[in-house]
Amino acid sequence: MKIVLFVGAGLLSITAMAGLLGISSRLDKNSAYKLNASMQISEYISAAQDKSDPPLSVDLIETDRVLAAMVHPDRTSADVSDDGLRKVLDVLRFTGIGAGNTVLEMEAGSGYYTELLSFIVGKQGTVIMQNPPEFGDFVTPDVLAARLGEEGGRLSNVRVSTTSFDALDAPDASVDLVTWFLGPHELWMTNAAGEMTLGDPEKTYGEIFRVLKPGGRFVALDKSSPDYTFEHESSVSHKISPKHVIARAEAAGFTLTKTSDILSIKIDPDSQDSFGKKLGKKYDLNVVDPSKRVSTDRFLHMYTKPE
């Protein structure tokens, strides 16, 4: 009998829970699962998006590595509760990630996505968790240990890389997928001296192109600003116009192959900004404010390196 788990429902049935746990036990983790695994799975179902198309089911979880990773019982309740906000199910499906992939995750931060990517690519895959040296103040050894385990034993297929965006730590043509989530605008951030130190904008997209295999994918996600804004404004607004990302990616040799509006927030098409320009989308000013996390339009692009 097929058991369908509609997102937003309450506790799962015992039969459904057993099915999920059986599937989880066949993932690439070797450690014994905690006694509260069923609670974490239930929390995911309760915290995720209001609906899913198709409805979440045991059958789907068994064949969909993204969904299987999301209900993995080793995930923390804090991460699980963030899934719906980030629309992570749709975002990761968009990337085309699969078992055995080599993934370079630019600007991985504390590793929310890193953990999911690790579960999805499995033992035969690799995730390169990249952060710039300047992120060391908040991506501390303790933060990395909490995510990766002592000496990386919790996520053994993850390799930490501390490099600038324009000097990625991977051989030529060695990566299947590069992700840069909420990151392209960071190129324009400055230090106290007004210097841009995270990576040279003229070199960074070429570096991404270099490390990808022919046919490899680069997925960029960021908070969007209106098309009339300049790149350097990103250092203040913490967002960037999609046209700037497209222009730099195409100049590096990429082809824009797919876009998605799953993170787009549309408003009254006649609404105007303070200069009288029509917006059509919602661009909040202070996107760093936690209360504005989901109130600002975000774009999602896939670029491909030609074969």
C-alpha atoms as a PDB file:
ATOM      1  CA  MET A   1       0.000   0.000   0.000  1.00  0.00           C
ATOM      2  CA  LYS A   2       1.365   3.396  -0.959  1.00  0.00           C
ATOM      3  CA  ILE A   3       1.530   5.845   1.942  1.00  0.00           C
ATOM      4  CA  VAL A   4       1.288   9.518   1.011  1.00  0.00           C
ATOM      5  CA  LEU A   5       2.680  12.112   3.418  1.00  0.00           C
ATOM      6  CA  PHE A   6       1.085  15.487   2.783  1.00  0.00           C
ATOM      7  CA  VAL A   7       3.334  18.310   3.922  1.00  0.00           C
ATOM      8  CA  GLY A   8       1.903  20.280   6.798  1.00  0.00           C
ATOM      9  CA  ALA A   9       0.231  17.230   8.253  1.00  0.00           C
ATOM     10  CA  GLY A  10       0.751  16.321  11.862  1.00  0.00           C
ATOM     11  CA  LEU A  11       2.463  13.171  13.125  1.00  0.00           C
ATOM     12  CA  LEU A  12       3.154  10.452  10.608  1.00  0.00           C
ATOM     13  CA  SER A  13       1.620   7.016  10.855  1.00  0.00           C
ATOM     14  CA  ILE A  14       3.741   4.250  12.385  1.00  0.00           C
ATOM     15  CA  THR A  15       3.863   2.450   9.052  1.00  0.00           C
ATOM     16  CA  ALA A  16       4.999   5.576   7.213  1.00  0.00           C
ATOM     17  CA  MET A  17       7.614   6.321   9.857  1.00  0.00           C
ATOM     18  CA  ALA A  18       8.991   2.810   9.615  1.00  0.00           C
ATOM     19  CA  GLY A  19       9.211   3.167   5.858  1.00  0.00           C
ATOM     20  CA  LEU A  20      11.136   6.416   6.170  1.00  0.00           C
ATOM     21  CA  LEU A  21      13.528   4.975   8.714  1.00  0.00           C
ATOM     22  CA  GLY A  22      14.126   1.971   6.495  1.00  0.00           C
ATOM     23  CA  ILE A  23      14.990   4.269   3.610  1.00  0.00           C
ATOM     24  CA  SER A  24      17.239   6.402   5.799  1.00  0.00           C
ATOM     25  CA  SER A  25      19.135   3.311   6.908  1.00  0.00           C
ATOM     26  CA  ARG A  26      20.055   2.644   3.282  1.00  0.00           C
ATOM     27  CA  LEU A  27      21.686   6.043   2.818  1.00  0.00           C
ATOM     28  CA  ASP A  28      25.452   6.396   2.890  1.00  0.00           C
ATOM     29  CA  LYS A  29      25.792   7.007   6.642  1.00  0.00           C
ATOM     30  CA  ASN A  30      27.369   4.157   8.606  1.00  0.00           C
ATOM     31  CA  SER A  31      26.564   5.321  12.145  1.00  0.00           C
ATOM     32  CA  ALA A  32      23.558   4.040  14.063  1.00  0.00           C
ATOM     33  CA  TYR A  33      20.666   6.478  13.936  1.00  0.00           C
ATOM     34  CA  LYS A  34      19.463   8.227  17.048  1.00  0.00           C
ATOM     35  CA  LEU A  35      16.338   7.225  18.924  1.00  0.00           C
ATOM     36  CA  ASN A  36      14.755  10.566  18.038  1.00  0.00           C
ATOM     37  CA  ALA A  37      15.113  10.028  14.282  1.00  0.00           C
ATOM     38  CA  SER A  38      11.360   9.670  13.872  1.00  0.00           C
ATOM     39  CA  MET A  39      10.814  12.979  15.659  1.00  0.00           C
ATOM     40  CA  GLN A  40      13.212  14.774  13.303  1.00  0.00           C
ATOM     41  CA  ILE A  41      11.472  13.338  10.252  1.00  0.00           C
ATOM     42  CA  SER A  42       8.120  14.416  11.643  1.00  0.00           C
ATOM     43  CA  GLU A  43       9.501  17.913  12.283  1.00  0.00           C
ATOM     44  CA  TYR A  44      10.600  18.144   8.664  1.00  0.00           C
ATOM     45  CA  ILE A  45       7.190  17.197   7.356  1.00  0.00           C
ATOM     46  CA  SER A  46       5.574  19.766   9.662  1.00  0.00           C
ATOM     47  CA  ALA A  47       8.044  22.585   8.903  1.00  0.00           C
ATOM     48  CA  ALA A  48       8.336  22.211   5.133  1.00  0.00           C
ATOM     49  CA  GLN A  49       6.386  24.039   2.447  1.00  0.00           C
ATOM     50  CA  ASP A  50       2.595  24.119   2.647  1.00  0.00           C
ATOM     51  CA  LYS A  51       2.294  21.772  -0.298  1.00  0.00           C
ATOM     52  CA  SER A  52       4.415  19.683  -2.605  1.00  0.00           C
ATOM     53  CA  ASP A  53       3.820  18.669  -6.178  1.00  0.00           C
ATOM     54  CA  PRO A  54       3.812  15.724  -6.355  1.00  0.00           C
ATOM     55  CA  PRO A  55       2.782  14.958  -2.749  1.00  0.00           C
ATOM     56  CA  LEU A  56       5.619  13.589  -0.639  1.00  0.00           C
ATOM     57  CA  SER A  57       5.473   9.820  -0.401  1.00  0.00           C
ATOM     58  CA  VAL A  58       7.593   6.911   0.756  1.00  0.00           C
ATOM     59  CA  ASP A  59       7.979   5.818  -2.866  1.00  0.00           C
ATOM     60  CA  LEU A  60       9.231   9.274  -3.863  1.00  0.00           C
ATOM     61  CA  ILE A  61      11.661   9.484  -0.963  1.00  0.00           C
ATOM     62  CA  GLU A  62      13.196   6.176  -2.007  1.00  0.00           C
ATOM     63  CA  THR A  63      13.962   7.441  -5.517  1.00  0.00           C
ATOM     64  CA  ASP A  64      14.658  11.128  -4.845  1.00  0.00           C
ATOM     65  CA  ARG A  65      18.041  11.669  -3.168  1.00  0.00           C
ATOM     66  CA  VAL A  66      17.284  15.325  -2.476  1.00  0.00           C
ATOM     67  CA  LEU A  67      14.146  14.482  -0.524  1.00  0.00           C
ATOM     68  CA  ALA A  68      15.872  11.566   1.198  1.00  0.00           C
ATOM     69  CA  ALA A  69      18.626  13.931   2.349  1.00  0.00           C
ATOM     70  CA  MET A  70      16.104  16.403   3.701  1.00  0.00           C
ATOM     71  CA  VAL A  71      14.443  13.817   5.947  1.00  0.00           C
ATOM     72  CA  HIS A  72      17.773  12.353   7.048  1.00  0.00           C
ATOM     73  CA  PRO A  73      17.443  11.823  10.814  1.00  0.00           C
ATOM     74  CA  ASP A  74      20.929  13.175  11.558  1.00  0.00           C
ATOM     75  CA  ARG A  75      19.831  16.691  10.612  1.00  0.00           C
ATOM     76  CA  THR A  76      19.272  19.212  13.388  1.00  0.00           C
ATOM     77  CA  SER A  77      15.850  20.648  14.113  1.00  0.00           C
ATOM     78  CA  ALA A  78      17.265  24.150  13.484  1.00  0.00           C
ATOM     79  CA  ASP A  79      18.259  23.195   9.928  1.00  0.00           C
ATOM     80  CA  VAL A  80      14.997  21.385   9.272  1.00  0.00           C
ATOM     81  CA  SER A  81      12.949  24.373  10.385  1.00  0.00           C
ATOM     82  CA  ASP A  82      14.748  26.523   7.796  1.00  0.00           C
ATOM     83  CA  ASP A  83      13.902  24.303   4.815  1.00  0.00           C
ATOM     84  CA  GLY A  84      10.582  25.870   3.936  1.00  0.00           C
ATOM     85  CA  LEU A  85      11.988  29.393   4.182  1.00  0.00           C
ATOM     86  CA  ARG A  86      14.764  28.537   1.735  1.00  0.00           C
ATOM     87  CA  LYS A  87      12.553  26.389  -0.533  1.00  0.00           C
ATOM     88  CA  VAL A  88      15.478  24.016  -0.454  1.00  0.00           C
ATOM     89  CA  LEU A  89      13.648  21.059  -1.992  1.00  0.00           C
ATOM     90  CA  ASP A  90      12.988  23.027  -5.169  1.00  0.00           C
ATOM     91  CA  VAL A  91      16.405  24.710  -5.171  1.00  0.00           C
ATOM     92  CA  LEU A  92      18.395  21.480  -4.903  1.00  0.00           C
ATOM     93  CA  ARG A  93      16.236  19.685  -7.452  1.00  0.00           C
ATOM     94  CA  PHE A  94      16.916  22.621  -9.796  1.00  0.00           C
ATOM     95  CA  THR A  95      20.678  21.991  -9.585  1.00  0.00           C
ATOM     96  CA  GLY A  96      20.438  18.481 -11.022  1.00  0.00           C
ATOM     97  CA  ILE A  97      22.764  17.158  -8.315  1.00  0.00           C
ATOM     98  CA  GLY A  98      23.143  13.384  -8.137  1.00  0.00           C
ATOM     99  CA  ALA A  99      24.996  10.525  -6.492  1.00  0.00           C
ATOM    100  CA  GLY A 100      28.739  10.502  -7.101  1.00  0.00           C
ATOM    101  CA  ASN A 101      28.960  14.169  -8.110  1.00  0.00           C
ATOM    102  CA  THR A 102      31.866  16.409  -7.193  1.00  0.00           C
ATOM    103  CA  VAL A 103      30.384  19.657  -5.920  1.00  0.00           C
ATOM    104  CA  LEU A 104      32.194  22.894  -5.127  1.00  0.00           C
ATOM    105  CA  GLU A 105      30.037  24.914  -2.769  1.00  0.00           C
ATOM    106  CA  MET A 106      31.200  28.516  -2.861  1.00  0.00           C
ATOM    107  CA  GLU A 107      30.604  30.574   0.276  1.00  0.00           C
ATOM    108  CA  ALA A 108      29.346  27.581   2.220  1.00  0.00           C
ATOM    109  CA  GLY A 109      29.153  29.446   5.521  1.00  0.00           C
ATOM    110  CA  SER A 110      28.432  27.184   8.475  1.00  0.00           C
ATOM    111  CA  GLY A 111      27.286  24.340   6.226  1.00  0.00           C
ATOM    112  CA  TYR A 112      23.492  24.240   6.050  1.00  0.00           C
ATOM    113  CA  TYR A 113      23.647  23.295   2.374  1.00  0.00           C
ATOM    114  CA  THR A 114      26.949  21.434   2.779  1.00  0.00           C
ATOM    115  CA  GLU A 115      25.305  18.731   4.860  1.00  0.00           C
ATOM    116  CA  LEU A 116      22.495  18.200   2.370  1.00  0.00           C
ATOM    117  CA  LEU A 117      24.929  18.119  -0.544  1.00  0.00           C
ATOM    118  CA  SER A 118      27.030  15.560   1.339  1.00  0.00           C
ATOM    119  CA  PHE A 119      24.058  13.260   1.896  1.00  0.00           C
ATOM    120  CA  ILE A 120      22.979  13.556  -1.747  1.00  0.00           C
ATOM    121  CA  VAL A 121      26.318  12.853  -3.463  1.00  0.00           C
ATOM    122  CA  GLY A 122      27.043   9.952  -1.108  1.00  0.00           C
ATOM    123  CA  LYS A 123      30.225   8.038  -0.462  1.00  0.00           C
ATOM    124  CA  GLN A 124      31.338   8.126  -4.079  1.00  0.00           C
ATOM    125  CA  GLY A 125      30.939  11.903  -4.288  1.00  0.00           C
ATOM    126  CA  THR A 126      32.815  14.866  -2.884  1.00  0.00           C
ATOM    127  CA  VAL A 127      31.737  18.252  -1.565  1.00  0.00           C
ATOM    128  CA  ILE A 128      34.305  21.070  -1.404  1.00  0.00           C
ATOM    129  CA  MET A 129      33.150  23.444   1.338  1.00  0.00           C
ATOM    130  CA  GLN A 130      34.669  26.784   0.299  1.00  0.00           C
ATOM    131  CA  ASN A 131      34.771  29.974   2.342  1.00  0.00           C
ATOM    132  CA  PRO A 132      37.057  33.012   1.992  1.00  0.00           C
ATOM    133  CA  PRO A 133      39.648  33.575   4.745  1.00  0.00           C
ATOM    134  CA  GLU A 134      37.722  36.677   5.809  1.00  0.00           C
ATOM    135  CA  PHE A 135      34.847  34.452   6.952  1.00  0.00           C
ATOM    136  CA  GLY A 136      37.011  32.968   9.712  1.00  0.00           C
ATOM    137  CA  ASP A 137      35.465  35.229  12.328  1.00  0.00           C
ATOM    138  CA  PHE A 138      32.167  33.351  12.119  1.00  0.00           C
ATOM    139  CA  VAL A 139      33.070  30.070  10.387  1.00  0.00           C
ATOM    140  CA  THR A 140      35.277  29.102  13.308  1.00  0.00           C
ATOM    141  CA  PRO A 141      36.873  25.698  14.025  1.00  0.00           C
ATOM    142  CA  ASP A 142      34.086  25.045  16.519  1.00  0.00           C
ATOM    143  CA  VAL A 143      31.437  25.801  13.899  1.00  0.00           C
ATOM    144  CA  LEU A 144      33.120  23.452  11.431  1.00  0.00           C
ATOM    145  CA  ALA A 145      33.494  20.723  14.054  1.00  0.00           C
ATOM    146  CA  ALA A 146      29.807  20.960  14.920  1.00  0.00           C
ATOM    147  CA  ARG A 147      28.887  20.467  11.269  1.00  0.00           C
ATOM    148  CA  LEU A 148      31.547  18.023  10.102  1.00  0.00           C
ATOM    149  CA  GLY A 149      32.366  16.180  13.324  1.00  0.00           C
ATOM    150  CA  GLU A 150      35.736  15.734  14.933  1.00  0.00           C
ATOM    151  CA  GLU A 151      38.370  15.502  12.202  1.00  0.00           C
ATOM    152  CA  GLY A 152      35.582  15.578   9.641  1.00  0.00           C
ATOM    153  CA  GLY A 153      34.244  12.164  10.618  1.00  0.00           C
ATOM    154  CA  ARG A 154      30.576  13.117  10.548  1.00  0.00           C
ATOM    155  CA  LEU A 155      30.589  14.161   6.850  1.00  0.00           C
ATOM    156  CA  SER A 156      33.622  12.304   5.575  1.00  0.00           C
ATOM    157  CA  ASN A 157      33.060  13.209   1.923  1.00  0.00           C
ATOM    158  CA  VAL A 158      33.396  16.941   2.646  1.00  0.00           C
ATOM    159  CA  ARG A 159      36.690  18.787   2.194  1.00  0.00           C
ATOM    160  CA  VAL A 160      37.108  22.257   3.704  1.00  0.00           C
ATOM    161  CA  SER A 161      38.702  24.873   1.462  1.00  0.00           C
ATOM    162  CA  THR A 162      39.661  28.367   2.622  1.00  0.00           C
ATOM    163  CA  THR A 163      40.381  30.433  -0.481  1.00  0.00           C
ATOM    164  CA  SER A 164      39.318  33.625  -2.183  1.00  0.00           C
ATOM    165  CA  PHE A 165      36.610  33.396  -4.811  1.00  0.00           C
ATOM    166  CA  ASP A 166      39.129  34.043  -7.574  1.00  0.00           C
ATOM    167  CA  ALA A 167      41.481  31.210  -6.515  1.00  0.00           C
ATOM    168  CA  LEU A 168      39.317  28.122  -6.126  1.00  0.00           C
ATOM    169  CA  ASP A 169      40.942  25.018  -4.714  1.00  0.00           C
ATOM    170  CA  ALA A 170      40.172  22.449  -7.416  1.00  0.00           C
ATOM    171  CA  PRO A 171      42.001  21.142 -10.501  1.00  0.00           C
ATOM    172  CA  ASP A 172      40.950  22.148 -13.994  1.00  0.00           C
ATOM    173  CA  ALA A 173      37.799  20.407 -15.274  1.00  0.00           C
ATOM    174  CA  SER A 174      37.319  18.370 -12.088  1.00  0.00           C
ATOM    175  CA  VAL A 175      33.924  19.522 -10.765  1.00  0.00           C
ATOM    176  CA  ASP A 176      30.403  18.531 -11.852  1.00  0.00           C
ATOM    177  CA  LEU A 177      28.522  21.304 -10.068  1.00  0.00           C
ATOM    178  CA  VAL A 178      29.440  24.677  -8.559  1.00  0.00           C
ATOM    179  CA  THR A 179      26.866  26.319  -6.309  1.00  0.00           C
ATOM    180  CA  TRP A 180      26.958  29.930  -5.129  1.00  0.00           C
ATOM    181  CA  PHE A 181      23.945  30.510  -2.926  1.00  0.00           C
ATOM    182  CA  LEU A 182      23.311  34.103  -1.785  1.00  0.00           C
ATOM    183  CA  GLY A 183      26.857  34.926  -2.765  1.00  0.00           C
ATOM    184  CA  PRO A 184      27.547  36.749  -6.066  1.00  0.00           C
ATOM    185  CA  HIS A 185      26.904  40.147  -4.482  1.00  0.00           C
ATOM    186  CA  GLU A 186      29.674  39.431  -1.937  1.00  0.00           C
ATOM    187  CA  LEU A 187      32.344  40.166  -4.554  1.00  0.00           C
ATOM    188  CA  TRP A 188      31.684  43.843  -3.969  1.00  0.00           C
ATOM    189  CA  MET A 189      31.914  43.776  -0.182  1.00  0.00           C
ATOM    190  CA  THR A 190      34.760  45.836   1.281  1.00  0.00           C
ATOM    191  CA  ASN A 191      36.828  45.715   4.450  1.00  0.00           C
ATOM    192  CA  ALA A 192      37.369  48.580   6.880  1.00  0.00           C
ATOM    193  CA  ALA A 193      39.932  50.075   4.530  1.00  0.00           C
ATOM    194  CA  GLY A 194      37.458  50.055   1.639  1.00  0.00           C
ATOM    195  CA  GLU A 195      39.242  47.202  -0.174  1.00  0.00           C
ATOM    196  CA  MET A 196      37.486  44.368  -2.005  1.00  0.00           C
ATOM    197  CA  THR A 197      39.369  41.309  -0.728  1.00  0.00           C
ATOM    198  CA  LEU A 198      37.002  38.374  -1.265  1.00  0.00           C
ATOM    199  CA  GLY A 199      37.875  37.957  -4.945  1.00  0.00           C
ATOM    200  CA  ASP A 200      38.529  39.920  -8.100  1.00  0.00           C
ATOM    201  CA  PRO A 201      35.242  40.255 -10.024  1.00  0.00           C
ATOM    202  CA  GLU A 202      37.201  40.150 -13.279  1.00  0.00           C
ATOM    203  CA  LYS A 203      38.678  36.723 -12.425  1.00  0.00           C
ATOM    204  CA  THR A 204      36.111  34.930 -10.266  1.00  0.00           C
ATOM    205  CA  TYR A 205      33.711  33.730 -12.954  1.00  0.00           C
ATOM    206  CA  GLY A 206      36.656  32.523 -15.010  1.00  0.00           C
ATOM    207  CA  GLU A 207      37.770  30.461 -12.019  1.00  0.00           C
ATOM    208  CA  ILE A 208      34.359  28.841 -11.785  1.00  0.00           C
ATOM    209  CA  PHE A 209      34.547  28.056 -15.501  1.00  0.00           C
ATOM    210  CA  ARG A 210      38.051  26.599 -15.083  1.00  0.00           C
ATOM    211  CA  VAL A 211      37.192  24.066 -12.374  1.00  0.00           C
ATOM    212  CA  LEU A 212      34.035  22.751 -14.047  1.00  0.00           C
ATOM    213  CA  LYS A 213      34.081  19.757 -16.354  1.00  0.00           C
ATOM    214  CA  PRO A 214      32.779  20.304 -19.899  1.00  0.00           C
ATOM    215  CA  GLY A 215      29.017  20.175 -19.528  1.00  0.00           C
ATOM    216  CA  GLY A 216      29.339  21.075 -15.845  1.00  0.00           C
ATOM    217  CA  ARG A 217      26.793  23.311 -14.151  1.00  0.00           C
ATOM    218  CA  PHE A 218      27.133  26.560 -12.236  1.00  0.00           C
ATOM    219  CA  VAL A 219      24.070  27.466 -10.151  1.00  0.00           C
ATOM    220  CA  ALA A 220      23.804  31.017  -8.809  1.00  0.00           C
ATOM    221  CA  LEU A 221      21.193  32.185  -6.322  1.00  0.00           C
ATOM    222  CA  ASP A 222      21.083  35.678  -4.869  1.00  0.00           C
ATOM    223  CA  LYS A 223      18.870  38.535  -3.727  1.00  0.00           C
ATOM    224  CA  SER A 224      18.006  40.683  -6.705  1.00  0.00           C
ATOM    225  CA  SER A 225      18.065  44.424  -7.150  1.00  0.00           C
ATOM    226  CA  PRO A 226      16.508  46.409 -10.021  1.00  0.00           C
ATOM    227  CA  ASP A 227      18.263  46.312 -13.379  1.00  0.00           C
ATOM    228  CA  TYR A 228      19.217  49.971 -13.226  1.00  0.00           C
ATOM    229  CA  THR A 229      21.433  49.443 -10.141  1.00  0.00           C
ATOM    230  CA  PHE A 230      25.238  49.212 -10.396  1.00  0.00           C
ATOM    231  CA  GLU A 231      27.358  46.279  -9.257  1.00  0.00           C
ATOM    232  CA  HIS A 232      29.280  48.277  -6.676  1.00  0.00           C
ATOM    233  CA  GLU A 233      26.016  49.117  -4.905  1.00  0.00           C
ATOM    234  CA  SER A 234      25.962  45.486  -3.729  1.00  0.00           C
ATOM    235  CA  SER A 235      28.410  46.397  -0.982  1.00  0.00           C
ATOM    236  CA  VAL A 236      25.650  48.410   0.682  1.00  0.00           C
ATOM    237  CA  SER A 237      22.431  46.726  -0.460  1.00  0.00           C
ATOM    238  CA  HIS A 238      23.652  43.093  -0.117  1.00  0.00           C
ATOM    239  CA  LYS A 239      21.906  42.202  -3.384  1.00  0.00           C
ATOM    240  CA  ILE A 240      22.645  42.429  -7.104  1.00  0.00           C
ATOM    241  CA  SER A 241      20.818  42.738 -10.398  1.00  0.00           C
ATOM    242  CA  PRO A 242      20.596  39.395 -12.220  1.00  0.00           C
ATOM    243  CA  LYS A 243      21.762  41.138 -15.411  1.00  0.00           C
ATOM    244  CA  HIS A 244      25.217  41.670 -13.868  1.00  0.00           C
ATOM    245  CA  VAL A 245      25.587  37.994 -12.999  1.00  0.00           C
ATOM    246  CA  ILE A 246      24.432  36.960 -16.473  1.00  0.00           C
ATOM    247  CA  ALA A 247      26.882  39.350 -18.133  1.00  0.00           C
ATOM    248  CA  ARG A 248      29.881  38.144 -16.119  1.00  0.00           C
ATOM    249  CA  ALA A 249      28.993  34.452 -16.476  1.00  0.00           C
ATOM    250  CA  GLU A 250      28.550  34.735 -20.242  1.00  0.00           C
ATOM    251  CA  ALA A 251      31.779  36.724 -20.559  1.00  0.00           C
ATOM    252  CA  ALA A 252      33.560  33.831 -18.832  1.00  0.00           C
ATOM    253  CA  GLY A 253      32.215  31.388 -21.440  1.00  0.00           C
ATOM    254  CA  PHE A 254      29.055  30.070 -19.768  1.00  0.00           C
ATOM    255  CA  THR A 255      25.669  29.602 -21.382  1.00  0.00           C
ATOM    256  CA  LEU A 256      22.584  30.505 -19.364  1.00  0.00           C
ATOM    257  CA  THR A 257      20.554  27.313 -19.691  1.00  0.00           C
ATOM    258  CA  LYS A 258      17.803  27.567 -17.106  1.00  0.00           C
ATOM    259  CA  THR A 259      16.185  30.025 -14.703  1.00  0.00           C
ATOM    260  CA  SER A 260      13.533  29.649 -12.030  1.00  0.00           C
ATOM    261  CA  ASP A 261      11.128  32.055 -10.363  1.00  0.00           C
ATOM    262  CA  ILE A 262      10.460  29.837  -7.323  1.00  0.00           C
ATOM    263  CA  LEU A 263      12.125  32.461  -5.099  1.00  0.00           C
ATOM    264  CA  SER A 264      10.686  35.460  -6.906  1.00  0.00           C
ATOM    265  CA  ILE A 265       8.332  37.747  -5.007  1.00  0.00           C
ATOM    266  CA  LYS A 266       6.079  39.644  -7.371  1.00  0.00           C
ATOM    267  CA  ILE A 267       4.010  42.641  -6.352  1.00  0.00           C
ATOM    268  CA  ASP A 268       1.632  45.097  -7.999  1.00  0.00           C
ATOM    269  CA  PRO A 269       3.129  45.626 -11.483  1.00  0.00           C
ATOM    270  CA  ASP A 270       2.275  49.333 -11.269  1.00  0.00           C
ATOM    271  CA  SER A 271       4.224  49.872  -8.030  1.00  0.00           C
ATOM    272  CA  GLN A 272       7.104  52.339  -8.237  1.00  0.00           C
ATOM    273  CA  ASP A 273      10.293  53.070  -6.350  1.00  0.00           C
ATOM    274  CA  SER A 274      11.208  56.482  -4.938  1.00  0.00           C
ATOM    275  CA  PHE A 275      12.465  57.534  -8.388  1.00  0.00           C
ATOM    276  CA  GLY A 276       9.163  56.731 -10.063  1.00  0.00           C
ATOM    277  CA  LYS A 277      10.454  53.575 -11.761  1.00  0.00           C
ATOM    278  CA  LYS A 278       8.111  50.597 -11.972  1.00  0.00           C
ATOM    279  CA  LEU A 279       9.306  47.643  -9.934  1.00  0.00           C
ATOM    280  CA  GLY A 280       7.097  44.600 -10.598  1.00  0.00           C
ATOM    281  CA  LYS A 281       9.050  42.726  -7.916  1.00  0.00           C
ATOM    282  CA  LYS A 282       9.706  43.384  -4.270  1.00  0.00           C
ATOM    283  CA  TYR A 283      13.151  44.765  -3.452  1.00  0.00           C
ATOM    284  CA  ASP A 284      13.399  45.534   0.254  1.00  0.00           C
ATOM    285  CA  LEU A 285      16.175  47.872   1.349  1.00  0.00           C
ATOM    286  CA  ASN A 286      17.553  46.109   4.414  1.00  0.00           C
ATOM    287  CA  VAL A 287      17.886  42.477   3.369  1.00  0.00           C
ATOM    288  CA  VAL A 288      20.306  41.779   6.244  1.00  0.00           C
ATOM    289  CA  ASP A 289      17.459  42.265   8.731  1.00  0.00           C
ATOM    290  CA  PRO A 290      16.292  38.703   9.648  1.00  0.00           C
ATOM    291  CA  SER A 291      12.671  39.822   9.339  1.00  0.00           C
ATOM    292  CA  LYS A 292      13.284  40.543   5.640  1.00  0.00           C
ATOM    293  CA  ARG A 293      14.763  37.148   4.753  1.00  0.00           C
ATOM    294  CA  VAL A 294      11.885  36.067   2.563  1.00  0.00           C
ATOM    295  CA  SER A 295      10.446  39.437   1.632  1.00  0.00           C
ATOM    296  CA  THR A 296      13.025  40.255  -1.046  1.00  0.00           C
ATOM    297  CA  ASP A 297      13.018  38.901  -4.587  1.00  0.00           C
ATOM    298  CA  ARG A 298      15.659  36.251  -5.282  1.00  0.00           C
ATOM    299  CA  PHE A 299      16.833  34.852  -8.609  1.00  0.00           C
ATOM    300  CA  LEU A 300      17.983  31.330  -9.424  1.00  0.00           C
ATOM    301  CA  HIS A 301      20.083  30.635 -12.535  1.00  0.00           C
ATOM    302  CA  MET A 302      21.817  27.625 -14.038  1.00  0.00           C
ATOM    303  CA  TYR A 303      24.795  28.159 -16.357  1.00  0.00           C
ATOM    304  CA  THR A 304      26.506  25.391 -18.309  1.00  0.00           C
ATOM    305  CA  LYS A 305      30.092  25.069 -19.488  1.00  0.00           C
ATOM    306  CA  PRO A 306      30.016  24.033 -23.157  1.00  0.00           C
ATOM    307  CA  GLU A 307      31.042  20.468 -23.975  1.00  0.00           C
END
